[in-house]
Structure formats: C-alpha cells, structure tokens
C-alpha cells in the first residue's frame, strides 16, 4: 500500500519560506491601510525576519 502524502499547510506556506539553514518569514501589517502607518514602520517591514531555531524545530512537522 502506498504511503499517504502530506498536504501543504496553506496558512504556513503564505507566511514562511524555507531557506538552506533557516526559515524566512514576512512582517505583519504590510498588506493594506499602509497610508496611515509611519514610513519607519514600512522600512522596518522590508527587512528579512528569520524564525528562531526553537520555532523552526516546531515547524518541521508542518509541510509548507
């Protein structure tokens, strides 16, 4: 009997990206209502955020 495939967790796949050694994630609050948010907030959101090693180990069970 063939092994069942895991489905991709769609919520996680929209937030996280696997890289060679770590997991990259986006910042919150960048999709809409950006006119009222400060420009320093927008600049800070452009930087790459990486997930901590402990949280990355928890996400290994979820396919994304």
C-alpha atoms as a PDB file:
ATOM      1  CA  UNK A   1       0.000   0.000   0.000  1.00  0.00           C
ATOM      2  CA  UNK A   2       1.472   3.403  -0.953  1.00  0.00           C
ATOM      3  CA  UNK A   3       2.350   5.924   1.718  1.00  0.00           C
ATOM      4  CA  UNK A   4      -0.057   8.848   2.011  1.00  0.00           C
ATOM      5  CA  UNK A   5       1.238  12.271   1.044  1.00  0.00           C
ATOM      6  CA  UNK A   6       1.059  15.180   3.475  1.00  0.00           C
ATOM      7  CA  UNK A   7      -0.949  18.159   2.356  1.00  0.00           C
ATOM      8  CA  UNK A   8       0.684  21.564   2.364  1.00  0.00           C
ATOM      9  CA  UNK A   9      -0.424  23.797   5.230  1.00  0.00           C
ATOM     10  CA  UNK A  10      -1.659  26.792   3.232  1.00  0.00           C
ATOM     11  CA  UNK A  11      -1.547  29.266   6.107  1.00  0.00           C
ATOM     12  CA  UNK A  12       2.099  28.482   6.814  1.00  0.00           C
ATOM     13  CA  UNK A  13       3.067  28.468   3.141  1.00  0.00           C
ATOM     14  CA  UNK A  14       1.885  32.078   2.791  1.00  0.00           C
ATOM     15  CA  UNK A  15       3.997  33.247   5.730  1.00  0.00           C
ATOM     16  CA  UNK A  16       7.169  31.132   5.817  1.00  0.00           C
ATOM     17  CA  UNK A  17       9.817  30.284   3.225  1.00  0.00           C
ATOM     18  CA  UNK A  18      12.384  27.543   3.720  1.00  0.00           C
ATOM     19  CA  UNK A  19      15.985  28.527   3.120  1.00  0.00           C
ATOM     20  CA  UNK A  20      19.163  26.486   3.349  1.00  0.00           C
ATOM     21  CA  UNK A  21      19.710  26.741   7.093  1.00  0.00           C
ATOM     22  CA  UNK A  22      16.747  28.667   8.454  1.00  0.00           C
ATOM     23  CA  UNK A  23      13.173  29.777   7.859  1.00  0.00           C
ATOM     24  CA  UNK A  24      12.380  33.213   6.451  1.00  0.00           C
ATOM     25  CA  UNK A  25       9.160  34.993   7.388  1.00  0.00           C
ATOM     26  CA  UNK A  26       7.449  38.220   6.447  1.00  0.00           C
ATOM     27  CA  UNK A  27       6.447  41.058   8.717  1.00  0.00           C
ATOM     28  CA  UNK A  28       2.892  41.788   9.715  1.00  0.00           C
ATOM     29  CA  UNK A  29       0.805  44.794   8.746  1.00  0.00           C
ATOM     30  CA  UNK A  30       2.042  45.368   5.194  1.00  0.00           C
ATOM     31  CA  UNK A  31      -0.937  44.393   3.067  1.00  0.00           C
ATOM     32  CA  UNK A  32      -3.456  47.205   3.468  1.00  0.00           C
ATOM     33  CA  UNK A  33      -4.093  50.508   5.275  1.00  0.00           C
ATOM     34  CA  UNK A  34      -0.468  51.483   4.734  1.00  0.00           C
ATOM     35  CA  UNK A  35      -1.249  55.180   4.274  1.00  0.00           C
ATOM     36  CA  UNK A  36      -1.822  55.735   7.987  1.00  0.00           C
ATOM     37  CA  UNK A  37       1.250  53.778   9.064  1.00  0.00           C
ATOM     38  CA  UNK A  38       4.568  55.532   9.561  1.00  0.00           C
ATOM     39  CA  UNK A  39       7.352  55.329   6.994  1.00  0.00           C
ATOM     40  CA  UNK A  40       9.714  53.881   9.598  1.00  0.00           C
ATOM     41  CA  UNK A  41       7.224  51.030  10.058  1.00  0.00           C
ATOM     42  CA  UNK A  42       7.241  50.426   6.298  1.00  0.00           C
ATOM     43  CA  UNK A  43      11.033  50.443   6.118  1.00  0.00           C
ATOM     44  CA  UNK A  44      11.321  48.017   9.009  1.00  0.00           C
ATOM     45  CA  UNK A  45       8.894  45.674   7.253  1.00  0.00           C
ATOM     46  CA  UNK A  46      11.191  45.335   4.246  1.00  0.00           C
ATOM     47  CA  UNK A  47      13.931  43.669   6.259  1.00  0.00           C
ATOM     48  CA  UNK A  48      14.136  39.898   6.311  1.00  0.00           C
ATOM     49  CA  UNK A  49      12.985  38.270   9.527  1.00  0.00           C
ATOM     50  CA  UNK A  50      14.186  34.794  10.411  1.00  0.00           C
ATOM     51  CA  UNK A  51      12.408  32.355  12.643  1.00  0.00           C
ATOM     52  CA  UNK A  52      14.157  31.272  15.832  1.00  0.00           C
ATOM     53  CA  UNK A  53      15.729  27.812  15.929  1.00  0.00           C
ATOM     54  CA  UNK A  54      13.227  26.606  18.544  1.00  0.00           C
ATOM     55  CA  UNK A  55      10.225  27.675  16.452  1.00  0.00           C
ATOM     56  CA  UNK A  56      11.804  26.255  13.292  1.00  0.00           C
ATOM     57  CA  UNK A  57      12.100  22.882  15.005  1.00  0.00           C
ATOM     58  CA  UNK A  58       8.389  23.044  15.903  1.00  0.00           C
ATOM     59  CA  UNK A  59       7.508  23.765  12.260  1.00  0.00           C
ATOM     60  CA  UNK A  60       9.359  20.726  10.906  1.00  0.00           C
ATOM     61  CA  UNK A  61       6.184  18.674  11.393  1.00  0.00           C
ATOM     62  CA  UNK A  62       4.166  21.066   9.204  1.00  0.00           C
ATOM     63  CA  UNK A  63       4.771  20.906   5.478  1.00  0.00           C
ATOM     64  CA  UNK A  64       4.979  24.328   3.823  1.00  0.00           C
END
